[in-house]
Amino acid sequence: MQTVSPMDSLREEQRVITSLLEVLKQEQQCLISADIDALTALTPTKSALVNDMAILASQRHSALGAAGFKPEEAGMEAWLAASGDAGAQQFWQQVLDLTREAKELNRINGALINKHLNHTQGALQALRPQSPAPNMYGPTGQTTSTATRRGFVAG
């Protein structure tokens, strides 16, 4: 049985995170230009890439565990230190940097989505009929109320 190195999945993680960054940049442009159709078309690709990242990280963690290290990011640091491979350490740092960039782009995109949502909610609120203010008088001279009055029927 062939031993799987944590670097095996890391190379694929770098490829996937680079693709995810491109999709996040496209998503941001769609949000800025309010291109909902293009934004909707990007969603399945983004979801698939995020899913791929989770699978690859899990594979890397399994390989770390099989190599006797903690199956987490701290285990990757220990594995790299034990390997003494400066190139692998630089590669890992690059993946971490790309991941931070993707998280920041995703955060900004989330803020843009909230801005659009707030704008849309405000526009919808402006279209809704306003209820009469309390203690206003209606056409019969009585104060208006938003509550529905029901009579009591005894039987």
C-alpha atoms as a PDB file:
ATOM      1  CA  MET A   1       0.000   0.000   0.000  1.00  0.00           C
ATOM      2  CA  GLN A   2       1.376   3.395  -1.003  1.00  0.00           C
ATOM      3  CA  THR A   3       1.915   5.951   1.775  1.00  0.00           C
ATOM      4  CA  VAL A   4       0.094   9.196   1.145  1.00  0.00           C
ATOM      5  CA  SER A   5       2.008  12.334   2.050  1.00  0.00           C
ATOM      6  CA  PRO A   6       0.238  15.412   3.442  1.00  0.00           C
ATOM      7  CA  MET A   7       1.828  17.264   0.500  1.00  0.00           C
ATOM      8  CA  ASP A   8      -0.177  15.159  -1.964  1.00  0.00           C
ATOM      9  CA  SER A   9      -3.491  16.762  -1.020  1.00  0.00           C
ATOM     10  CA  LEU A  10      -1.843  20.126  -0.340  1.00  0.00           C
ATOM     11  CA  ARG A  11      -0.898  20.520  -4.009  1.00  0.00           C
ATOM     12  CA  GLU A  12      -4.519  19.905  -4.989  1.00  0.00           C
ATOM     13  CA  GLU A  13      -5.699  22.262  -2.216  1.00  0.00           C
ATOM     14  CA  GLN A  14      -3.567  25.010  -3.712  1.00  0.00           C
ATOM     15  CA  ARG A  15      -5.115  24.444  -7.137  1.00  0.00           C
ATOM     16  CA  VAL A  16      -8.666  24.456  -5.714  1.00  0.00           C
ATOM     17  CA  ILE A  17      -8.149  27.526  -3.480  1.00  0.00           C
ATOM     18  CA  THR A  18      -6.746  29.416  -6.485  1.00  0.00           C
ATOM     19  CA  SER A  19      -9.887  28.510  -8.453  1.00  0.00           C
ATOM     20  CA  LEU A  20     -12.071  29.527  -5.507  1.00  0.00           C
ATOM     21  CA  LEU A  21     -10.332  32.900  -5.347  1.00  0.00           C
ATOM     22  CA  GLU A  22     -11.160  33.504  -9.009  1.00  0.00           C
ATOM     23  CA  VAL A  23     -14.816  32.615  -8.394  1.00  0.00           C
ATOM     24  CA  LEU A  24     -14.940  34.917  -5.354  1.00  0.00           C
ATOM     25  CA  LYS A  25     -13.522  37.768  -7.457  1.00  0.00           C
ATOM     26  CA  GLN A  26     -16.155  37.106 -10.131  1.00  0.00           C
ATOM     27  CA  GLU A  27     -18.827  36.979  -7.410  1.00  0.00           C
ATOM     28  CA  GLN A  28     -17.662  40.361  -6.120  1.00  0.00           C
ATOM     29  CA  GLN A  29     -17.915  41.893  -9.601  1.00  0.00           C
ATOM     30  CA  CYS A  30     -21.442  40.476  -9.942  1.00  0.00           C
ATOM     31  CA  LEU A  31     -22.399  41.971  -6.584  1.00  0.00           C
ATOM     32  CA  ILE A  32     -20.948  45.363  -7.486  1.00  0.00           C
ATOM     33  CA  SER A  33     -22.784  45.412 -10.814  1.00  0.00           C
ATOM     34  CA  ALA A  34     -25.924  43.775  -9.330  1.00  0.00           C
ATOM     35  CA  ASP A  35     -25.801  41.030 -11.971  1.00  0.00           C
ATOM     36  CA  ILE A  36     -28.044  38.518 -10.204  1.00  0.00           C
ATOM     37  CA  ASP A  37     -28.166  36.053 -13.111  1.00  0.00           C
ATOM     38  CA  ALA A  38     -24.371  35.766 -13.275  1.00  0.00           C
ATOM     39  CA  LEU A  39     -24.206  35.589  -9.480  1.00  0.00           C
ATOM     40  CA  THR A  40     -26.709  32.734  -9.442  1.00  0.00           C
ATOM     41  CA  ALA A  41     -24.691  30.900 -12.099  1.00  0.00           C
ATOM     42  CA  LEU A  42     -21.537  31.112  -9.920  1.00  0.00           C
ATOM     43  CA  THR A  43     -23.144  29.634  -6.809  1.00  0.00           C
ATOM     44  CA  PRO A  44     -22.899  25.924  -7.782  1.00  0.00           C
ATOM     45  CA  THR A  45     -19.234  26.335  -8.777  1.00  0.00           C
ATOM     46  CA  LYS A  46     -18.421  28.121  -5.527  1.00  0.00           C
ATOM     47  CA  SER A  47     -20.221  25.451  -3.476  1.00  0.00           C
ATOM     48  CA  ALA A  48     -18.397  22.635  -5.275  1.00  0.00           C
ATOM     49  CA  LEU A  49     -15.006  24.278  -4.708  1.00  0.00           C
ATOM     50  CA  VAL A  50     -15.708  24.838  -1.006  1.00  0.00           C
ATOM     51  CA  ASN A  51     -16.766  21.190  -0.734  1.00  0.00           C
ATOM     52  CA  ASP A  52     -13.584  20.081  -2.530  1.00  0.00           C
ATOM     53  CA  MET A  53     -11.506  22.149  -0.099  1.00  0.00           C
ATOM     54  CA  ALA A  54     -13.140  20.423   2.873  1.00  0.00           C
ATOM     55  CA  ILE A  55     -12.520  16.970   1.374  1.00  0.00           C
ATOM     56  CA  LEU A  56      -8.877  17.772   0.598  1.00  0.00           C
ATOM     57  CA  ALA A  57      -8.257  19.179   4.076  1.00  0.00           C
ATOM     58  CA  SER A  58      -9.756  16.002   5.528  1.00  0.00           C
ATOM     59  CA  GLN A  59      -7.462  13.895   3.340  1.00  0.00           C
ATOM     60  CA  ARG A  60      -4.457  15.956   4.450  1.00  0.00           C
ATOM     61  CA  HIS A  61      -5.476  15.533   8.086  1.00  0.00           C
ATOM     62  CA  SER A  62      -5.793  11.764   7.585  1.00  0.00           C
ATOM     63  CA  ALA A  63      -2.330  11.623   6.015  1.00  0.00           C
ATOM     64  CA  LEU A  64      -0.938  13.613   8.939  1.00  0.00           C
ATOM     65  CA  GLY A  65      -2.559  11.226  11.400  1.00  0.00           C
ATOM     66  CA  ALA A  66      -1.188   8.220   9.514  1.00  0.00           C
ATOM     67  CA  ALA A  67       2.284   9.813   9.671  1.00  0.00           C
ATOM     68  CA  GLY A  68       1.999  10.170  13.464  1.00  0.00           C
ATOM     69  CA  PHE A  69       1.105  13.853  13.656  1.00  0.00           C
ATOM     70  CA  LYS A  70      -2.001  15.640  14.905  1.00  0.00           C
ATOM     71  CA  PRO A  71      -4.646  15.569  12.140  1.00  0.00           C
ATOM     72  CA  GLU A  72      -5.015  19.356  12.049  1.00  0.00           C
ATOM     73  CA  GLU A  73      -3.186  22.495  10.926  1.00  0.00           C
ATOM     74  CA  ALA A  74      -0.839  22.366  13.950  1.00  0.00           C
ATOM     75  CA  GLY A  75       0.075  18.824  12.896  1.00  0.00           C
ATOM     76  CA  MET A  76       0.964  20.143   9.450  1.00  0.00           C
ATOM     77  CA  GLU A  77       3.353  22.646  11.028  1.00  0.00           C
ATOM     78  CA  ALA A  78       4.979  19.841  13.039  1.00  0.00           C
ATOM     79  CA  TRP A  79       5.164  17.572   9.980  1.00  0.00           C
ATOM     80  CA  LEU A  80       6.822  20.333   7.956  1.00  0.00           C
ATOM     81  CA  ALA A  81       9.310  21.060  10.737  1.00  0.00           C
ATOM     82  CA  ALA A  82      10.179  17.360  10.921  1.00  0.00           C
ATOM     83  CA  SER A  83      10.562  17.107   7.145  1.00  0.00           C
ATOM     84  CA  GLY A  84      13.071  19.955   6.996  1.00  0.00           C
ATOM     85  CA  ASP A  85      11.845  20.703   3.461  1.00  0.00           C
ATOM     86  CA  ALA A  86      11.981  24.501   3.054  1.00  0.00           C
ATOM     87  CA  GLY A  87      10.125  24.263  -0.257  1.00  0.00           C
ATOM     88  CA  ALA A  88       7.244  22.415   1.399  1.00  0.00           C
ATOM     89  CA  GLN A  89       7.129  25.019   4.165  1.00  0.00           C
ATOM     90  CA  GLN A  90       6.949  27.827   1.586  1.00  0.00           C
ATOM     91  CA  PHE A  91       4.226  25.956  -0.295  1.00  0.00           C
ATOM     92  CA  TRP A  92       2.216  25.515   2.929  1.00  0.00           C
ATOM     93  CA  GLN A  93       2.610  29.232   3.701  1.00  0.00           C
ATOM     94  CA  GLN A  94       1.366  30.069   0.205  1.00  0.00           C
ATOM     95  CA  VAL A  95      -1.733  27.905   0.716  1.00  0.00           C
ATOM     96  CA  LEU A  96      -2.373  29.602   4.078  1.00  0.00           C
ATOM     97  CA  ASP A  97      -1.995  33.042   2.462  1.00  0.00           C
ATOM     98  CA  LEU A  98      -4.402  32.109  -0.350  1.00  0.00           C
ATOM     99  CA  THR A  99      -6.873  30.787   2.214  1.00  0.00           C
ATOM    100  CA  ARG A 100      -6.721  34.047   4.207  1.00  0.00           C
ATOM    101  CA  GLU A 101      -7.274  36.000   0.982  1.00  0.00           C
ATOM    102  CA  ALA A 102     -10.299  33.845   0.130  1.00  0.00           C
ATOM    103  CA  LYS A 103     -11.767  34.320   3.619  1.00  0.00           C
ATOM    104  CA  GLU A 104     -11.360  38.098   3.342  1.00  0.00           C
ATOM    105  CA  LEU A 105     -12.946  38.193  -0.129  1.00  0.00           C
ATOM    106  CA  ASN A 106     -15.809  36.059   1.171  1.00  0.00           C
ATOM    107  CA  ARG A 107     -16.264  38.448   4.120  1.00  0.00           C
ATOM    108  CA  ILE A 108     -16.361  41.465   1.787  1.00  0.00           C
ATOM    109  CA  ASN A 109     -18.805  39.694  -0.521  1.00  0.00           C
ATOM    110  CA  GLY A 110     -21.015  38.932   2.477  1.00  0.00           C
ATOM    111  CA  ALA A 111     -20.999  42.640   3.388  1.00  0.00           C
ATOM    112  CA  LEU A 112     -21.989  43.515  -0.195  1.00  0.00           C
ATOM    113  CA  ILE A 113     -24.821  40.980  -0.045  1.00  0.00           C
ATOM    114  CA  ASN A 114     -26.055  42.517   3.228  1.00  0.00           C
ATOM    115  CA  LYS A 115     -25.921  45.980   1.655  1.00  0.00           C
ATOM    116  CA  HIS A 116     -28.060  44.784  -1.274  1.00  0.00           C
ATOM    117  CA  LEU A 117     -30.435  43.026   1.113  1.00  0.00           C
ATOM    118  CA  ASN A 118     -30.871  46.142   3.263  1.00  0.00           C
ATOM    119  CA  HIS A 119     -31.473  48.248   0.155  1.00  0.00           C
ATOM    120  CA  THR A 120     -34.077  45.777  -1.112  1.00  0.00           C
ATOM    121  CA  GLN A 121     -35.815  45.606   2.272  1.00  0.00           C
ATOM    122  CA  GLY A 122     -35.919  49.407   2.413  1.00  0.00           C
ATOM    123  CA  ALA A 123     -37.438  49.571  -1.070  1.00  0.00           C
ATOM    124  CA  LEU A 124     -40.055  46.978  -0.133  1.00  0.00           C
ATOM    125  CA  GLN A 125     -40.882  48.856   3.069  1.00  0.00           C
ATOM    126  CA  ALA A 126     -41.412  52.046   1.069  1.00  0.00           C
ATOM    127  CA  LEU A 127     -43.930  50.204  -1.134  1.00  0.00           C
ATOM    128  CA  ARG A 128     -45.986  48.865   1.784  1.00  0.00           C
ATOM    129  CA  PRO A 129     -49.013  50.870   2.841  1.00  0.00           C
ATOM    130  CA  GLN A 130     -48.399  52.671   6.091  1.00  0.00           C
ATOM    131  CA  SER A 131     -50.803  51.930   8.929  1.00  0.00           C
ATOM    132  CA  PRO A 132     -52.591  54.901  10.459  1.00  0.00           C
ATOM    133  CA  ALA A 133     -50.888  56.463  13.442  1.00  0.00           C
ATOM    134  CA  PRO A 134     -52.486  55.763  16.830  1.00  0.00           C
ATOM    135  CA  ASN A 135     -55.039  58.293  18.101  1.00  0.00           C
ATOM    136  CA  MET A 136     -55.932  59.419  14.588  1.00  0.00           C
ATOM    137  CA  TYR A 137     -59.567  60.059  13.869  1.00  0.00           C
ATOM    138  CA  GLY A 138     -61.320  58.171  11.112  1.00  0.00           C
ATOM    139  CA  PRO A 139     -64.239  59.312   8.913  1.00  0.00           C
ATOM    140  CA  THR A 140     -66.771  58.466  11.671  1.00  0.00           C
ATOM    141  CA  GLY A 141     -65.026  60.689  14.206  1.00  0.00           C
ATOM    142  CA  GLN A 142     -63.813  57.705  16.197  1.00  0.00           C
ATOM    143  CA  THR A 143     -60.138  57.004  16.878  1.00  0.00           C
ATOM    144  CA  THR A 144     -58.687  54.480  14.472  1.00  0.00           C
ATOM    145  CA  SER A 145     -57.107  51.265  15.624  1.00  0.00           C
ATOM    146  CA  THR A 146     -55.164  48.599  13.803  1.00  0.00           C
ATOM    147  CA  ALA A 147     -56.681  45.897  15.985  1.00  0.00           C
ATOM    148  CA  THR A 148     -59.701  44.064  14.630  1.00  0.00           C
ATOM    149  CA  ARG A 149     -62.758  44.360  16.825  1.00  0.00           C
ATOM    150  CA  ARG A 150     -64.836  41.291  17.369  1.00  0.00           C
ATOM    151  CA  GLY A 151     -68.111  41.201  19.132  1.00  0.00           C
ATOM    152  CA  PHE A 152     -68.852  38.722  21.882  1.00  0.00           C
ATOM    153  CA  VAL A 153     -71.631  36.297  21.148  1.00  0.00           C
ATOM    154  CA  ALA A 154     -73.206  34.420  24.032  1.00  0.00           C
ATOM    155  CA  GLY A 155     -75.322  31.551  23.163  1.00  0.00           C
END
